[in-house]
């Protein structure tokens, strides 16, 4: 019954990945080093996402 309100970890990672990429895009015109750091974080999140998806398969 309480499992109904749990969030899917894959969906949470997808949202975080999209948010990081959006922030990196905005930052790219202001500070390229920070933009690169955000892209690196997004890549780490994407790796976690791929790992979770492969576990489910």
N, C-alpha and C. Protein backbone atom coordinates (compact mmCIF):
# COMPACT_ATOMS: atom_id res chain seq x y z
N UNK A 1 0.82 -1.19 0.00
CA UNK A 1 0.00 0.00 0.00
C UNK A 1 0.86 1.26 0.00
N UNK A 2 1.91 1.26 0.82
CA UNK A 2 2.74 2.45 0.89
C UNK A 2 3.75 2.50 -0.24
N UNK A 3 3.95 1.39 -0.95
CA UNK A 3 4.82 1.36 -2.11
C UNK A 3 4.26 2.15 -3.28
N UNK A 4 2.98 2.50 -3.18
CA UNK A 4 2.32 3.26 -4.23
C UNK A 4 2.95 4.64 -4.41
N UNK A 5 3.45 5.22 -3.34
CA UNK A 5 3.97 6.58 -3.38
C UNK A 5 5.48 6.65 -3.58
N UNK A 6 6.14 5.51 -3.74
CA UNK A 6 7.58 5.51 -3.96
C UNK A 6 7.89 5.97 -5.37
N UNK A 7 8.97 6.74 -5.49
CA UNK A 7 9.38 7.21 -6.81
C UNK A 7 10.29 6.18 -7.44
N UNK A 8 10.20 6.08 -8.73
CA UNK A 8 11.05 5.19 -9.50
C UNK A 8 12.46 5.78 -9.53
N UNK A 9 13.48 5.05 -9.10
CA UNK A 9 14.84 5.61 -9.09
C UNK A 9 15.34 5.94 -10.49
N UNK A 10 14.90 5.22 -11.49
CA UNK A 10 15.32 5.51 -12.87
C UNK A 10 14.76 6.87 -13.29
N UNK A 11 13.51 7.11 -12.99
CA UNK A 11 12.90 8.39 -13.36
C UNK A 11 13.57 9.55 -12.61
N UNK A 12 13.91 9.32 -11.37
CA UNK A 12 14.59 10.36 -10.59
C UNK A 12 15.95 10.68 -11.21
N UNK A 13 16.69 9.67 -11.64
CA UNK A 13 17.99 9.90 -12.27
C UNK A 13 17.84 10.59 -13.62
N UNK A 14 16.81 10.23 -14.37
CA UNK A 14 16.57 10.91 -15.66
C UNK A 14 16.32 12.40 -15.46
N UNK A 15 15.53 12.71 -14.44
CA UNK A 15 15.22 14.12 -14.16
C UNK A 15 16.47 14.86 -13.72
N UNK A 16 17.27 14.24 -12.87
CA UNK A 16 18.51 14.86 -12.41
C UNK A 16 19.47 15.07 -13.57
N UNK A 17 19.56 14.09 -14.47
CA UNK A 17 20.44 14.19 -15.64
C UNK A 17 20.00 15.36 -16.53
N UNK A 18 18.72 15.46 -16.80
CA UNK A 18 18.20 16.54 -17.63
C UNK A 18 18.44 17.90 -16.98
N UNK A 19 18.27 17.98 -15.68
CA UNK A 19 18.49 19.23 -14.96
C UNK A 19 19.95 19.65 -15.04
N UNK A 20 20.86 18.71 -14.85
CA UNK A 20 22.28 19.02 -14.93
C UNK A 20 22.67 19.51 -16.32
N UNK A 21 22.15 18.86 -17.34
CA UNK A 21 22.47 19.30 -18.70
C UNK A 21 21.90 20.68 -19.00
N UNK A 22 20.71 20.96 -18.50
CA UNK A 22 20.11 22.28 -18.71
C UNK A 22 20.94 23.36 -18.01
N UNK A 23 21.35 23.07 -16.78
CA UNK A 23 22.18 24.03 -16.05
C UNK A 23 23.53 24.23 -16.74
N UNK A 24 24.10 23.16 -17.28
CA UNK A 24 25.38 23.26 -17.98
C UNK A 24 25.23 24.12 -19.23
N UNK A 25 24.12 23.96 -19.92
CA UNK A 25 23.89 24.76 -21.12
C UNK A 25 23.79 26.25 -20.79
N UNK A 26 23.07 26.57 -19.74
CA UNK A 26 22.95 27.97 -19.32
C UNK A 26 24.30 28.52 -18.87
N UNK A 27 25.08 27.70 -18.18
CA UNK A 27 26.35 28.14 -17.64
C UNK A 27 27.41 28.28 -18.72
N UNK A 28 27.21 27.64 -19.87
CA UNK A 28 28.24 27.63 -20.92
C UNK A 28 28.55 29.01 -21.46
N UNK A 29 27.62 29.93 -21.35
CA UNK A 29 27.89 31.28 -21.84
C UNK A 29 28.54 32.15 -20.78
N UNK A 30 28.52 31.71 -19.54
CA UNK A 30 29.04 32.51 -18.44
C UNK A 30 30.41 31.99 -17.98
N UNK A 31 30.47 30.72 -17.63
CA UNK A 31 31.69 30.15 -17.07
C UNK A 31 31.88 28.74 -17.63
N UNK A 32 32.81 28.61 -18.55
CA UNK A 32 32.99 27.33 -19.26
C UNK A 32 33.47 26.23 -18.32
N UNK A 33 34.30 26.55 -17.33
CA UNK A 33 34.81 25.53 -16.40
C UNK A 33 33.66 24.93 -15.57
N UNK A 34 32.76 25.77 -15.10
CA UNK A 34 31.62 25.27 -14.33
C UNK A 34 30.69 24.46 -15.22
N UNK A 35 30.54 24.88 -16.46
CA UNK A 35 29.72 24.14 -17.40
C UNK A 35 30.31 22.75 -17.63
N UNK A 36 31.61 22.66 -17.80
CA UNK A 36 32.26 21.36 -17.98
C UNK A 36 32.10 20.47 -16.76
N UNK A 37 32.15 21.06 -15.57
CA UNK A 37 31.96 20.30 -14.33
C UNK A 37 30.54 19.74 -14.26
N UNK A 38 29.57 20.53 -14.67
CA UNK A 38 28.18 20.07 -14.66
C UNK A 38 27.97 18.95 -15.69
N UNK A 39 28.62 19.06 -16.83
CA UNK A 39 28.52 18.00 -17.83
C UNK A 39 29.14 16.71 -17.30
N UNK A 40 30.24 16.83 -16.56
CA UNK A 40 30.87 15.65 -15.97
C UNK A 40 29.94 15.00 -14.94
N UNK A 41 29.28 15.81 -14.15
CA UNK A 41 28.31 15.27 -13.18
C UNK A 41 27.17 14.57 -13.91
N UNK A 42 26.72 15.15 -15.00
CA UNK A 42 25.65 14.54 -15.78
C UNK A 42 26.09 13.20 -16.34
N UNK A 43 27.35 13.10 -16.73
CA UNK A 43 27.86 11.83 -17.26
C UNK A 43 27.89 10.76 -16.17
N UNK A 44 28.22 11.16 -14.94
CA UNK A 44 28.21 10.22 -13.82
C UNK A 44 26.79 9.72 -13.54
N UNK A 45 25.84 10.63 -13.58
CA UNK A 45 24.44 10.26 -13.36
C UNK A 45 23.97 9.34 -14.48
N UNK A 46 24.40 9.62 -15.70
CA UNK A 46 24.01 8.77 -16.83
C UNK A 46 24.57 7.36 -16.67
N UNK A 47 25.80 7.25 -16.15
CA UNK A 47 26.39 5.94 -15.91
C UNK A 47 25.58 5.16 -14.87
N UNK A 48 25.14 5.85 -13.82
CA UNK A 48 24.31 5.21 -12.80
C UNK A 48 22.98 4.77 -13.40
N UNK A 49 22.43 5.60 -14.27
CA UNK A 49 21.16 5.31 -14.91
C UNK A 49 21.28 4.06 -15.79
N UNK A 50 22.35 3.97 -16.55
CA UNK A 50 22.56 2.80 -17.41
C UNK A 50 22.73 1.55 -16.55
N UNK A 51 23.45 1.68 -15.44
CA UNK A 51 23.66 0.53 -14.55
C UNK A 51 22.33 0.05 -13.97
N UNK A 52 21.49 0.98 -13.56
CA UNK A 52 20.18 0.60 -13.00
C UNK A 52 19.30 -0.06 -14.06
N UNK A 53 19.33 0.45 -15.26
CA UNK A 53 18.51 -0.11 -16.32
C UNK A 53 19.00 -1.52 -16.70
N UNK A 54 20.30 -1.72 -16.66
CA UNK A 54 20.81 -3.04 -17.00
C UNK A 54 20.50 -4.06 -15.89
N UNK A 55 20.41 -3.61 -14.64
CA UNK A 55 20.02 -4.49 -13.54
C UNK A 55 18.57 -4.95 -13.69
N UNK A 56 17.72 -4.05 -14.15
CA UNK A 56 16.30 -4.39 -14.29
C UNK A 56 16.06 -5.38 -15.42
N UNK A 57 16.93 -5.37 -16.40
CA UNK A 57 16.76 -6.27 -17.56
C UNK A 57 17.09 -7.70 -17.23
